[in-house]
N, C-alpha and C. Protein backbone atom coordinates (compact mmCIF):
# COMPACT_ATOMS: atom_id res chain seq x y z
N MET A 1 214.09 -4.58 61.65
CA MET A 1 213.25 -4.60 62.87
C MET A 1 213.38 -3.25 63.59
N ALA A 2 212.25 -2.59 63.87
CA ALA A 2 212.26 -1.28 64.50
C ALA A 2 212.67 -1.40 65.97
N ILE A 3 213.48 -0.44 66.42
CA ILE A 3 213.91 -0.41 67.82
C ILE A 3 212.85 0.32 68.64
N GLU A 4 212.40 -0.29 69.71
CA GLU A 4 211.38 0.31 70.56
C GLU A 4 211.99 1.38 71.43
N THR A 5 211.36 2.56 71.46
CA THR A 5 211.84 3.65 72.30
C THR A 5 211.38 3.45 73.74
N LYS A 6 212.01 4.19 74.64
CA LYS A 6 211.63 4.14 76.05
C LYS A 6 210.18 4.58 76.24
N GLU A 7 209.79 5.58 75.44
CA GLU A 7 208.41 6.08 75.49
C GLU A 7 207.42 5.00 75.07
N GLN A 8 207.73 4.28 73.99
CA GLN A 8 206.83 3.22 73.51
C GLN A 8 206.74 2.08 74.53
N PHE A 9 207.88 1.77 75.17
CA PHE A 9 207.88 0.73 76.20
C PHE A 9 206.99 1.14 77.37
N MET A 10 207.09 2.43 77.76
CA MET A 10 206.27 2.93 78.86
C MET A 10 204.79 2.85 78.52
N GLU A 11 204.43 3.14 77.27
CA GLU A 11 203.04 3.05 76.84
C GLU A 11 202.52 1.62 76.99
N ARG A 12 203.35 0.66 76.63
CA ARG A 12 202.93 -0.75 76.79
C ARG A 12 202.83 -1.10 78.27
N MET A 13 203.72 -0.54 79.08
CA MET A 13 203.72 -0.81 80.51
C MET A 13 202.43 -0.28 81.15
N MET A 14 202.01 0.91 80.71
CA MET A 14 200.79 1.52 81.25
C MET A 14 199.54 0.73 80.87
N ALA A 15 199.58 0.13 79.69
CA ALA A 15 198.42 -0.62 79.21
C ALA A 15 198.33 -2.00 79.86
N GLU A 16 199.41 -2.45 80.45
CA GLU A 16 199.45 -3.80 81.04
C GLU A 16 198.89 -3.79 82.46
N GLU A 17 198.16 -4.83 82.82
CA GLU A 17 197.71 -4.98 84.20
C GLU A 17 198.90 -5.36 85.07
N LYS A 18 199.06 -4.68 86.19
CA LYS A 18 200.21 -4.96 87.04
C LYS A 18 200.11 -6.38 87.62
N PRO A 19 201.20 -7.15 87.55
CA PRO A 19 201.17 -8.50 88.13
C PRO A 19 201.18 -8.46 89.66
N LYS A 20 200.81 -9.56 90.27
CA LYS A 20 200.87 -9.67 91.73
C LYS A 20 202.04 -10.55 92.12
N CYS A 21 202.70 -10.13 93.17
CA CYS A 21 203.88 -10.87 93.65
C CYS A 21 203.46 -12.28 94.05
N PRO A 22 204.14 -13.32 93.56
CA PRO A 22 203.77 -14.69 93.91
C PRO A 22 204.08 -15.04 95.37
N HIS A 23 204.86 -14.22 96.04
CA HIS A 23 205.27 -14.51 97.41
C HIS A 23 204.32 -13.90 98.45
N CYS A 24 203.69 -12.75 98.10
CA CYS A 24 202.82 -12.09 99.08
C CYS A 24 201.46 -11.71 98.51
N GLY A 25 201.31 -11.78 97.19
CA GLY A 25 200.02 -11.47 96.56
C GLY A 25 199.75 -10.00 96.36
N GLN A 26 200.71 -9.14 96.71
CA GLN A 26 200.49 -7.71 96.54
C GLN A 26 200.82 -7.27 95.12
N GLU A 27 200.04 -6.28 94.63
CA GLU A 27 200.29 -5.73 93.29
C GLU A 27 201.68 -5.11 93.23
N MET A 28 202.40 -5.41 92.16
CA MET A 28 203.78 -4.93 92.03
C MET A 28 203.80 -3.51 91.48
N SER A 29 204.89 -2.81 91.74
CA SER A 29 205.05 -1.42 91.32
C SER A 29 205.84 -1.34 90.01
N VAL A 30 205.58 -0.28 89.25
CA VAL A 30 206.42 0.00 88.08
C VAL A 30 207.71 0.65 88.58
N TRP A 31 208.83 0.16 88.09
CA TRP A 31 210.14 0.58 88.59
C TRP A 31 211.06 0.91 87.42
N GLU A 32 211.65 2.10 87.45
CA GLU A 32 212.61 2.49 86.41
C GLU A 32 213.98 1.95 86.77
N VAL A 33 214.56 1.19 85.88
CA VAL A 33 215.84 0.55 86.18
C VAL A 33 216.93 1.62 86.28
N PRO A 34 217.91 1.43 87.18
CA PRO A 34 219.00 2.40 87.33
C PRO A 34 220.01 2.25 86.19
N PRO A 35 220.87 3.25 86.01
CA PRO A 35 221.88 3.17 84.95
C PRO A 35 222.98 2.16 85.25
N ILE A 36 223.05 1.69 86.51
CA ILE A 36 224.09 0.72 86.88
C ILE A 36 223.72 -0.66 86.36
N ASN A 37 224.65 -1.31 85.68
CA ASN A 37 224.40 -2.65 85.16
C ASN A 37 224.23 -3.66 86.27
N TYR A 38 223.52 -4.72 85.97
CA TYR A 38 223.16 -5.72 86.99
C TYR A 38 223.68 -7.08 86.55
N SER A 39 224.07 -7.88 87.50
CA SER A 39 224.45 -9.27 87.30
C SER A 39 225.66 -9.42 86.39
N ASP A 40 225.46 -9.84 85.12
CA ASP A 40 226.58 -10.12 84.24
C ASP A 40 227.16 -8.87 83.58
N GLY A 41 226.65 -7.70 83.96
CA GLY A 41 227.19 -6.46 83.40
C GLY A 41 226.62 -6.09 82.05
N LEU A 42 225.69 -6.87 81.52
CA LEU A 42 225.12 -6.60 80.21
C LEU A 42 223.94 -5.64 80.28
N GLY A 43 223.57 -5.25 81.49
CA GLY A 43 222.44 -4.33 81.64
C GLY A 43 221.15 -5.05 81.93
N TRP A 44 220.12 -4.28 82.16
CA TRP A 44 218.81 -4.84 82.52
C TRP A 44 218.03 -5.30 81.31
N GLY A 45 218.32 -4.73 80.17
CA GLY A 45 217.64 -5.14 78.94
C GLY A 45 216.35 -4.39 78.65
N VAL A 46 215.78 -3.75 79.68
CA VAL A 46 214.54 -2.98 79.51
C VAL A 46 214.65 -1.72 80.38
N PRO A 47 213.87 -0.68 80.06
CA PRO A 47 213.94 0.53 80.89
C PRO A 47 213.09 0.49 82.16
N TYR A 48 212.10 -0.42 82.19
CA TYR A 48 211.21 -0.51 83.36
C TYR A 48 210.92 -1.97 83.69
N LEU A 49 210.69 -2.22 84.97
CA LEU A 49 210.31 -3.56 85.46
C LEU A 49 209.14 -3.42 86.42
N PHE A 50 208.49 -4.55 86.71
CA PHE A 50 207.55 -4.63 87.82
C PHE A 50 208.32 -5.17 89.03
N VAL A 51 208.21 -4.49 90.18
CA VAL A 51 208.94 -4.91 91.38
C VAL A 51 208.00 -4.89 92.58
N CYS A 52 208.12 -5.88 93.45
CA CYS A 52 207.35 -5.91 94.70
C CYS A 52 208.12 -5.15 95.77
N PHE A 53 207.52 -4.07 96.29
CA PHE A 53 208.15 -3.30 97.35
C PHE A 53 207.38 -3.42 98.67
N ASN A 54 206.68 -4.53 98.84
CA ASN A 54 205.99 -4.81 100.09
C ASN A 54 207.01 -5.26 101.13
N ASP A 55 207.20 -4.47 102.17
CA ASP A 55 208.19 -4.80 103.21
C ASP A 55 207.79 -5.99 104.06
N ASP A 56 206.54 -6.44 103.92
CA ASP A 56 206.10 -7.64 104.64
C ASP A 56 206.13 -8.88 103.76
N CYS A 57 206.61 -8.73 102.55
CA CYS A 57 206.71 -9.88 101.63
C CYS A 57 207.68 -10.91 102.21
N PRO A 58 207.29 -12.19 102.26
CA PRO A 58 208.16 -13.23 102.83
C PRO A 58 209.52 -13.30 102.14
N LEU A 59 209.55 -13.12 100.83
CA LEU A 59 210.83 -13.15 100.12
C LEU A 59 211.78 -12.10 100.68
N TYR A 60 211.23 -10.89 100.91
CA TYR A 60 212.05 -9.79 101.40
C TYR A 60 212.42 -9.98 102.88
N THR A 61 211.44 -10.32 103.71
CA THR A 61 211.71 -10.44 105.15
C THR A 61 212.65 -11.59 105.47
N ASN A 62 212.50 -12.71 104.78
CA ASN A 62 213.38 -13.86 105.03
C ASN A 62 214.74 -13.73 104.34
N GLY A 63 214.77 -12.85 103.33
CA GLY A 63 216.00 -12.72 102.55
C GLY A 63 217.18 -12.19 103.35
N TRP A 64 216.90 -11.31 104.31
CA TRP A 64 217.99 -10.76 105.11
C TRP A 64 218.78 -11.85 105.82
N GLN A 65 218.06 -12.73 106.48
CA GLN A 65 218.73 -13.81 107.23
C GLN A 65 219.39 -14.80 106.27
N ASN A 66 218.69 -15.11 105.17
CA ASN A 66 219.22 -16.08 104.21
C ASN A 66 220.56 -15.62 103.63
N ILE A 67 220.64 -14.37 103.21
CA ILE A 67 221.88 -13.87 102.60
C ILE A 67 222.98 -13.74 103.64
N GLU A 68 222.63 -13.31 104.85
CA GLU A 68 223.66 -13.17 105.88
C GLU A 68 224.25 -14.53 106.26
N GLU A 69 223.39 -15.55 106.38
CA GLU A 69 223.87 -16.88 106.76
C GLU A 69 224.68 -17.54 105.65
N ASN A 70 224.28 -17.32 104.39
CA ASN A 70 224.94 -18.00 103.28
C ASN A 70 226.08 -17.22 102.63
N TYR A 71 225.99 -15.89 102.72
CA TYR A 71 227.01 -15.09 102.02
C TYR A 71 227.71 -14.07 102.92
N GLY A 72 227.21 -13.89 104.14
CA GLY A 72 227.85 -12.96 105.06
C GLY A 72 227.65 -11.50 104.69
N HIS A 73 226.61 -11.19 103.94
CA HIS A 73 226.35 -9.81 103.54
C HIS A 73 225.03 -9.33 104.12
N LEU A 74 224.93 -8.01 104.31
CA LEU A 74 223.68 -7.43 104.76
C LEU A 74 222.88 -7.03 103.52
N ALA A 75 221.95 -7.88 103.13
CA ALA A 75 221.16 -7.64 101.91
C ALA A 75 219.93 -8.54 101.96
N SER A 76 219.01 -8.27 101.03
CA SER A 76 217.83 -9.11 100.89
C SER A 76 217.44 -9.15 99.41
N TYR A 77 216.20 -9.64 99.15
CA TYR A 77 215.73 -9.76 97.77
C TYR A 77 214.40 -9.00 97.59
N ARG A 78 214.19 -8.53 96.38
CA ARG A 78 212.88 -8.03 95.95
C ARG A 78 212.47 -8.86 94.74
N CYS A 79 211.20 -9.19 94.67
CA CYS A 79 210.69 -9.96 93.54
C CYS A 79 210.49 -9.02 92.35
N ILE A 80 210.96 -9.46 91.17
CA ILE A 80 210.80 -8.64 89.97
C ILE A 80 210.15 -9.45 88.86
N CYS A 81 209.56 -8.72 87.91
CA CYS A 81 208.92 -9.37 86.77
C CYS A 81 209.06 -8.48 85.54
N TYR A 82 209.47 -9.06 84.43
CA TYR A 82 209.59 -8.33 83.18
C TYR A 82 208.23 -8.21 82.50
N LEU A 83 208.05 -7.13 81.76
CA LEU A 83 206.81 -6.90 81.04
C LEU A 83 206.52 -8.07 80.09
N GLY A 84 205.33 -8.64 80.20
CA GLY A 84 204.93 -9.73 79.33
C GLY A 84 205.42 -11.10 79.75
N ALA A 85 206.25 -11.15 80.80
CA ALA A 85 206.79 -12.44 81.26
C ALA A 85 205.84 -13.10 82.25
N GLU A 86 205.83 -14.43 82.26
CA GLU A 86 204.99 -15.17 83.20
C GLU A 86 205.78 -15.65 84.41
N SER A 87 207.11 -15.56 84.31
CA SER A 87 207.95 -16.00 85.42
C SER A 87 208.43 -14.81 86.23
N PHE A 88 208.84 -15.06 87.44
CA PHE A 88 209.30 -14.03 88.36
C PHE A 88 210.74 -14.31 88.75
N GLU A 89 211.49 -13.25 89.00
CA GLU A 89 212.89 -13.36 89.38
C GLU A 89 213.13 -12.55 90.64
N CYS A 90 214.37 -12.52 91.09
CA CYS A 90 214.75 -11.76 92.29
C CYS A 90 215.89 -10.82 91.97
N MET A 91 215.90 -9.69 92.65
CA MET A 91 217.07 -8.80 92.57
C MET A 91 217.49 -8.47 94.00
N PRO A 92 218.80 -8.30 94.23
CA PRO A 92 219.26 -7.99 95.58
C PRO A 92 219.04 -6.51 95.92
N VAL A 93 218.77 -6.24 97.18
CA VAL A 93 218.72 -4.87 97.69
C VAL A 93 219.57 -4.84 98.96
N PHE A 94 220.21 -3.70 99.20
CA PHE A 94 221.18 -3.64 100.29
C PHE A 94 220.76 -2.74 101.45
N SER A 95 219.53 -2.26 101.38
CA SER A 95 218.96 -1.50 102.49
C SER A 95 217.45 -1.49 102.32
N PRO A 96 216.70 -1.17 103.38
CA PRO A 96 215.23 -1.13 103.27
C PRO A 96 214.73 -0.13 102.23
N VAL A 97 215.53 0.88 101.91
CA VAL A 97 215.08 1.88 100.93
C VAL A 97 215.73 1.64 99.57
N GLY A 98 216.48 0.56 99.44
CA GLY A 98 217.15 0.29 98.17
C GLY A 98 216.18 0.19 97.01
N GLY A 99 216.39 1.00 95.99
CA GLY A 99 215.56 0.95 94.79
C GLY A 99 214.27 1.74 94.86
N THR A 100 213.90 2.23 96.07
CA THR A 100 212.61 2.90 96.19
C THR A 100 212.57 4.25 95.47
N GLY A 101 213.75 4.82 95.21
CA GLY A 101 213.80 6.10 94.52
C GLY A 101 213.34 6.03 93.09
N GLN A 102 213.30 4.83 92.52
CA GLN A 102 212.92 4.70 91.11
C GLN A 102 211.48 4.18 90.93
N ILE A 103 210.71 4.14 92.02
CA ILE A 103 209.33 3.66 91.91
C ILE A 103 208.49 4.69 91.15
N ILE A 104 207.74 4.21 90.17
CA ILE A 104 206.78 5.06 89.45
C ILE A 104 205.44 4.38 89.64
N ASP A 105 204.72 4.80 90.69
CA ASP A 105 203.67 3.93 91.19
C ASP A 105 202.23 4.36 90.96
N ASN A 106 202.00 5.42 90.19
CA ASN A 106 200.61 5.76 89.90
C ASN A 106 200.50 6.38 88.52
N GLN A 107 199.28 6.54 88.07
CA GLN A 107 199.02 7.00 86.72
C GLN A 107 199.62 8.38 86.46
N GLU A 108 199.55 9.24 87.46
CA GLU A 108 200.07 10.60 87.30
C GLU A 108 201.58 10.56 87.09
N MET A 109 202.27 9.74 87.87
CA MET A 109 203.72 9.65 87.73
C MET A 109 204.11 8.99 86.41
N LEU A 110 203.32 8.01 85.98
CA LEU A 110 203.57 7.37 84.70
C LEU A 110 203.45 8.38 83.56
N GLN A 111 202.41 9.20 83.64
CA GLN A 111 202.20 10.20 82.60
C GLN A 111 203.31 11.25 82.62
N GLU A 112 203.77 11.59 83.81
CA GLU A 112 204.87 12.55 83.93
C GLU A 112 206.15 11.97 83.31
N GLU A 113 206.36 10.69 83.54
CA GLU A 113 207.54 10.02 82.97
C GLU A 113 207.43 10.01 81.44
N MET A 114 206.26 9.75 80.93
CA MET A 114 206.05 9.75 79.48
C MET A 114 206.26 11.14 78.91
N LEU A 115 205.81 12.16 79.65
CA LEU A 115 205.99 13.54 79.18
C LEU A 115 207.47 13.86 79.04
N LYS A 116 208.26 13.45 80.04
CA LYS A 116 209.71 13.69 79.98
C LYS A 116 210.32 13.02 78.77
N GLU A 117 209.89 11.79 78.49
CA GLU A 117 210.42 11.07 77.33
C GLU A 117 209.99 11.74 76.03
N ASN A 118 208.74 12.22 75.98
CA ASN A 118 208.26 12.90 74.78
C ASN A 118 209.02 14.20 74.52
N ILE A 119 209.34 14.91 75.60
CA ILE A 119 210.10 16.15 75.47
C ILE A 119 211.51 15.85 74.95
N LYS A 120 212.16 14.84 75.53
CA LYS A 120 213.50 14.46 75.07
C LYS A 120 213.48 14.06 73.60
N LYS A 121 212.49 13.28 73.23
CA LYS A 121 212.37 12.84 71.84
C LYS A 121 212.12 14.01 70.91
N GLY A 122 211.21 14.92 71.31
CA GLY A 122 210.90 16.08 70.48
C GLY A 122 212.10 17.00 70.30
N PHE A 123 212.86 17.24 71.38
CA PHE A 123 214.04 18.09 71.30
C PHE A 123 215.10 17.47 70.40
N SER A 124 215.22 16.14 70.47
CA SER A 124 216.19 15.45 69.61
C SER A 124 215.84 15.61 68.14
N ILE A 125 214.55 15.46 67.81
CA ILE A 125 214.10 15.63 66.42
C ILE A 125 214.34 17.07 65.96
N LEU A 126 214.02 18.03 66.83
CA LEU A 126 214.19 19.44 66.48
C LEU A 126 215.65 19.79 66.24
N ALA A 127 216.54 19.21 67.05
CA ALA A 127 217.97 19.49 66.88
C ALA A 127 218.44 19.05 65.49
N ASP A 128 218.00 17.85 65.08
CA ASP A 128 218.35 17.35 63.74
C ASP A 128 217.75 18.24 62.65
N CYS A 129 216.50 18.64 62.86
CA CYS A 129 215.83 19.49 61.87
C CYS A 129 216.53 20.84 61.73
N TYR A 130 216.98 21.39 62.84
CA TYR A 130 217.64 22.70 62.80
C TYR A 130 218.96 22.62 62.03
N VAL A 131 219.72 21.57 62.33
CA VAL A 131 221.02 21.39 61.65
C VAL A 131 220.81 21.22 60.15
N ASN A 132 219.78 20.47 59.78
CA ASN A 132 219.51 20.19 58.36
C ASN A 132 218.56 21.20 57.70
N GLU A 133 218.17 22.24 58.49
CA GLU A 133 217.23 23.25 58.01
C GLU A 133 215.96 22.62 57.44
N ASN A 134 215.48 21.61 58.17
CA ASN A 134 214.25 20.91 57.79
C ASN A 134 213.06 21.63 58.41
N THR A 135 212.63 22.71 57.78
CA THR A 135 211.55 23.52 58.34
C THR A 135 210.19 22.85 58.24
N VAL A 136 210.05 21.89 57.34
CA VAL A 136 208.77 21.18 57.20
C VAL A 136 208.45 20.41 58.47
N ASP A 137 209.43 19.66 58.99
CA ASP A 137 209.19 18.88 60.20
C ASP A 137 209.14 19.75 61.45
N ILE A 138 209.88 20.87 61.44
CA ILE A 138 209.78 21.80 62.57
C ILE A 138 208.36 22.36 62.65
N LEU A 139 207.82 22.75 61.50
CA LEU A 139 206.45 23.28 61.45
C LEU A 139 205.44 22.21 61.84
N ARG A 140 205.69 20.98 61.41
CA ARG A 140 204.79 19.86 61.74
C ARG A 140 204.71 19.67 63.25
N LEU A 141 205.86 19.70 63.94
CA LEU A 141 205.88 19.55 65.40
C LEU A 141 205.19 20.72 66.08
N LEU A 142 205.40 21.91 65.55
CA LEU A 142 204.78 23.10 66.13
C LEU A 142 203.26 23.04 66.04
N LEU A 143 202.74 22.55 64.94
CA LEU A 143 201.29 22.52 64.73
C LEU A 143 200.62 21.28 65.33
N ASP A 144 201.42 20.34 65.84
CA ASP A 144 200.89 19.09 66.39
C ASP A 144 200.47 19.31 67.84
N SER A 145 199.18 19.36 68.10
CA SER A 145 198.67 19.61 69.46
C SER A 145 199.00 18.46 70.41
N GLY A 146 199.41 17.32 69.90
CA GLY A 146 199.77 16.19 70.75
C GLY A 146 201.18 16.29 71.31
N GLN A 147 201.96 17.26 70.82
CA GLN A 147 203.33 17.43 71.31
C GLN A 147 203.34 18.23 72.61
N PRO A 148 204.32 17.98 73.50
CA PRO A 148 204.43 18.80 74.72
C PRO A 148 204.62 20.27 74.39
N VAL A 149 204.11 21.15 75.23
CA VAL A 149 204.20 22.59 74.98
C VAL A 149 205.66 23.03 74.87
N ARG A 150 206.56 22.46 75.68
CA ARG A 150 207.97 22.85 75.62
C ARG A 150 208.56 22.56 74.25
N VAL A 151 208.17 21.45 73.65
CA VAL A 151 208.65 21.10 72.32
C VAL A 151 208.10 22.09 71.29
N ARG A 152 206.83 22.43 71.42
CA ARG A 152 206.20 23.35 70.47
C ARG A 152 206.78 24.76 70.61
N LEU A 153 207.10 25.18 71.83
CA LEU A 153 207.73 26.48 72.04
C LEU A 153 209.09 26.55 71.35
N LYS A 154 209.87 25.50 71.51
CA LYS A 154 211.19 25.45 70.86
C LYS A 154 211.03 25.43 69.35
N ALA A 155 210.04 24.70 68.85
CA ALA A 155 209.78 24.66 67.40
C ALA A 155 209.41 26.04 66.89
N ALA A 156 208.62 26.80 67.67
CA ALA A 156 208.22 28.15 67.27
C ALA A 156 209.45 29.06 67.17
N GLU A 157 210.35 28.95 68.15
CA GLU A 157 211.58 29.76 68.11
C GLU A 157 212.42 29.41 66.88
N MET A 158 212.52 28.12 66.59
CA MET A 158 213.32 27.68 65.45
C MET A 158 212.73 28.15 64.12
N ILE A 159 211.41 28.06 64.00
CA ILE A 159 210.78 28.46 62.74
C ILE A 159 210.98 29.95 62.51
N GLY A 160 211.06 30.71 63.60
CA GLY A 160 211.36 32.13 63.47
C GLY A 160 212.79 32.36 62.98
N ASP A 161 213.69 31.50 63.41
CA ASP A 161 215.11 31.64 63.04
C ASP A 161 215.40 31.23 61.61
N ILE A 162 214.75 30.15 61.14
CA ILE A 162 215.12 29.62 59.81
C ILE A 162 213.92 29.41 58.88
N GLY A 163 212.70 29.70 59.35
CA GLY A 163 211.51 29.42 58.55
C GLY A 163 211.39 30.29 57.31
N PRO A 164 210.79 29.77 56.23
CA PRO A 164 210.57 30.53 55.01
C PRO A 164 209.31 31.39 55.12
N VAL A 165 209.16 32.31 54.20
CA VAL A 165 207.97 33.15 54.16
C VAL A 165 206.71 32.30 54.00
N ASP A 166 206.84 31.19 53.29
CA ASP A 166 205.69 30.31 53.07
C ASP A 166 205.06 29.80 54.36
N ALA A 167 205.85 29.80 55.46
CA ALA A 167 205.35 29.28 56.73
C ALA A 167 204.40 30.25 57.41
N VAL A 168 204.42 31.51 57.01
CA VAL A 168 203.64 32.54 57.70
C VAL A 168 202.14 32.23 57.68
N ASP A 169 201.62 31.86 56.51
CA ASP A 169 200.17 31.59 56.41
C ASP A 169 199.74 30.49 57.37
N ALA A 170 200.53 29.41 57.43
CA ALA A 170 200.18 28.30 58.33
C ALA A 170 200.21 28.75 59.77
N LEU A 171 201.16 29.59 60.13
CA LEU A 171 201.28 30.08 61.51
C LEU A 171 200.15 31.04 61.85
N LYS A 172 199.80 31.91 60.93
CA LYS A 172 198.75 32.90 61.18
C LYS A 172 197.36 32.25 61.26
N ASN A 173 197.17 31.18 60.54
CA ASN A 173 195.85 30.53 60.50
C ASN A 173 195.64 29.55 61.65
N ALA A 174 196.71 29.20 62.37
CA ALA A 174 196.61 28.22 63.45
C ALA A 174 196.20 28.90 64.76
N ARG A 175 195.50 28.16 65.60
CA ARG A 175 195.15 28.61 66.95
C ARG A 175 195.74 27.62 67.92
N PHE A 176 196.52 28.12 68.88
CA PHE A 176 197.34 27.22 69.69
C PHE A 176 196.78 26.94 71.08
N GLY A 177 195.83 27.73 71.56
CA GLY A 177 195.20 27.42 72.84
C GLY A 177 196.10 27.59 74.04
N ASN A 178 197.26 28.22 73.85
CA ASN A 178 198.19 28.46 74.95
C ASN A 178 198.76 29.86 74.74
N GLU A 179 198.56 30.73 75.72
CA GLU A 179 198.92 32.14 75.54
C GLU A 179 200.40 32.33 75.25
N LYS A 180 201.24 31.65 75.99
CA LYS A 180 202.68 31.79 75.79
C LYS A 180 203.11 31.28 74.42
N LEU A 181 202.52 30.15 74.01
CA LEU A 181 202.84 29.58 72.70
C LEU A 181 202.36 30.50 71.58
N GLN A 182 201.13 31.04 71.75
CA GLN A 182 200.59 31.96 70.74
C GLN A 182 201.48 33.20 70.61
N GLU A 183 201.98 33.69 71.73
CA GLU A 183 202.85 34.87 71.72
C GLU A 183 204.19 34.55 71.04
N THR A 184 204.72 33.36 71.32
CA THR A 184 205.99 32.95 70.71
C THR A 184 205.85 32.80 69.19
N VAL A 185 204.70 32.25 68.77
CA VAL A 185 204.44 32.12 67.33
C VAL A 185 204.32 33.50 66.68
N HIS A 186 203.66 34.43 67.36
CA HIS A 186 203.54 35.79 66.85
C HIS A 186 204.92 36.42 66.64
N LYS A 187 205.81 36.23 67.61
CA LYS A 187 207.17 36.75 67.49
C LYS A 187 207.93 36.06 66.36
N ALA A 188 207.65 34.77 66.17
CA ALA A 188 208.30 34.02 65.08
C ALA A 188 207.89 34.58 63.72
N VAL A 189 206.60 34.91 63.58
CA VAL A 189 206.11 35.49 62.32
C VAL A 189 206.81 36.82 62.05
N GLN A 190 206.92 37.65 63.09
CA GLN A 190 207.60 38.93 62.94
C GLN A 190 209.06 38.74 62.52
N LYS A 191 209.69 37.74 63.12
CA LYS A 191 211.10 37.47 62.81
C LYS A 191 211.27 36.99 61.38
N ILE A 192 210.35 36.16 60.90
CA ILE A 192 210.39 35.70 59.50
C ILE A 192 210.29 36.87 58.55
N HIS A 193 209.37 37.79 58.84
CA HIS A 193 209.22 38.99 58.00
C HIS A 193 210.49 39.84 58.01
N GLU A 194 211.09 39.99 59.21
CA GLU A 194 212.32 40.78 59.31
C GLU A 194 213.45 40.17 58.49
N ARG A 195 213.56 38.84 58.55
CA ARG A 195 214.64 38.16 57.83
C ARG A 195 214.47 38.25 56.31
N HIS A 196 213.21 38.23 55.87
CA HIS A 196 212.94 38.22 54.43
C HIS A 196 212.51 39.59 53.88
N PHE A 197 212.55 40.62 54.76
CA PHE A 197 212.16 41.98 54.35
C PHE A 197 210.76 41.99 53.73
N THR A 198 209.83 41.37 54.44
CA THR A 198 208.45 41.30 53.96
C THR A 198 207.50 41.80 55.06
N ARG A 199 206.25 41.94 54.69
CA ARG A 199 205.17 42.29 55.62
C ARG A 199 203.87 41.85 55.01
N GLU A 200 202.77 42.02 55.74
CA GLU A 200 201.46 41.64 55.23
C GLU A 200 200.69 42.88 54.80
N CYS A 201 200.04 42.78 53.67
CA CYS A 201 199.23 43.89 53.18
C CYS A 201 198.12 44.18 54.19
N PRO A 202 197.94 45.43 54.60
CA PRO A 202 196.89 45.76 55.59
C PRO A 202 195.48 45.63 55.04
N PHE A 203 195.36 45.44 53.71
CA PHE A 203 194.04 45.34 53.10
C PHE A 203 193.66 43.89 52.79
N CYS A 204 194.59 43.14 52.18
CA CYS A 204 194.25 41.77 51.77
C CYS A 204 195.01 40.70 52.54
N ALA A 205 195.94 41.12 53.39
CA ALA A 205 196.73 40.22 54.25
C ALA A 205 197.71 39.33 53.49
N GLU A 206 197.87 39.54 52.19
CA GLU A 206 198.87 38.80 51.42
C GLU A 206 200.26 39.36 51.75
N ILE A 207 201.28 38.54 51.55
CA ILE A 207 202.65 38.95 51.88
C ILE A 207 203.24 39.77 50.73
N ILE A 208 203.80 40.91 51.11
CA ILE A 208 204.42 41.80 50.14
C ILE A 208 205.78 42.25 50.67
N LYS A 209 206.58 42.88 49.84
CA LYS A 209 207.87 43.40 50.26
C LYS A 209 207.67 44.57 51.22
N SER A 210 208.58 44.72 52.16
CA SER A 210 208.47 45.79 53.16
C SER A 210 208.43 47.16 52.51
N ARG A 211 209.17 47.32 51.42
CA ARG A 211 209.27 48.64 50.77
C ARG A 211 208.21 48.85 49.69
N ALA A 212 207.32 47.91 49.52
CA ALA A 212 206.31 48.04 48.46
C ALA A 212 205.42 49.26 48.67
N ARG A 213 205.09 49.94 47.57
CA ARG A 213 204.17 51.08 47.62
C ARG A 213 202.76 50.68 47.21
N ILE A 214 202.70 49.69 46.30
CA ILE A 214 201.40 49.18 45.83
C ILE A 214 201.38 47.67 46.06
N CYS A 215 200.32 47.16 46.65
CA CYS A 215 200.21 45.71 46.86
C CYS A 215 200.02 45.01 45.51
N LYS A 216 200.88 44.04 45.24
CA LYS A 216 200.80 43.34 43.96
C LYS A 216 199.61 42.39 43.91
N HIS A 217 198.96 42.17 45.04
CA HIS A 217 197.83 41.23 45.09
C HIS A 217 196.48 41.93 44.94
N CYS A 218 196.30 43.04 45.67
CA CYS A 218 195.01 43.72 45.62
C CYS A 218 195.07 45.08 44.93
N GLY A 219 196.29 45.54 44.63
CA GLY A 219 196.46 46.79 43.91
C GLY A 219 196.28 48.04 44.74
N LYS A 220 196.12 47.92 46.05
CA LYS A 220 195.91 49.11 46.88
C LYS A 220 197.26 49.73 47.27
N GLU A 221 197.22 51.02 47.52
CA GLU A 221 198.43 51.73 47.93
C GLU A 221 198.71 51.42 49.39
N VAL A 222 199.92 50.93 49.66
CA VAL A 222 200.28 50.51 51.02
C VAL A 222 201.46 51.29 51.57
N ALA A 223 201.96 52.27 50.82
CA ALA A 223 203.08 53.09 51.30
C ALA A 223 202.72 53.78 52.59
N GLY A 224 203.56 53.64 53.58
CA GLY A 224 203.33 54.30 54.87
C GLY A 224 202.30 53.61 55.75
N LYS A 225 201.78 52.49 55.32
CA LYS A 225 200.76 51.78 56.12
C LYS A 225 201.38 50.56 56.78
């Protein structure tokens, strides 16, 4: 059984219609769970929840008095709901701003959160590829326009460090649509040539040895060019 990543969970969360709090009828917010374990200490079980942060919600407003009378603590409740669940639960909060720092409440913030997860995932893959000298997957990430620019920039640097001469054609033929990325790829190509003592023929653009006098591909004299 495949383990769902935080990014994949967020994608499902974005596709889901936000539930309405059964206590006040207000649309619930997407909330990133804190690293602190809850209740039995086993954790929250998911990276995000739906939470009602309406300060006029009866559950929240009445909760202060209820908890103080029954438990002698200054706290209240917020209504929570797990993705895909039809039932609602409560979590304690200990101040009016408790938990509000983890609200991810609009499309822009959701996309930003997904971007951060994609960058973390991409960097993790690149780290493994670098250690194992897996230049095929590094090149794949670099050429994938769906990857974050930061991931592609790091991939370009790596391909310059460990990439084979065979990667040059793919890099030269690609168009990246980002000036900084295009410049980094250009530097990576130069670095590959330096590492392998190669260059491109000025006439046919095929790769030849740096010290070559005659291009083995087109037969033209390239000494001093």
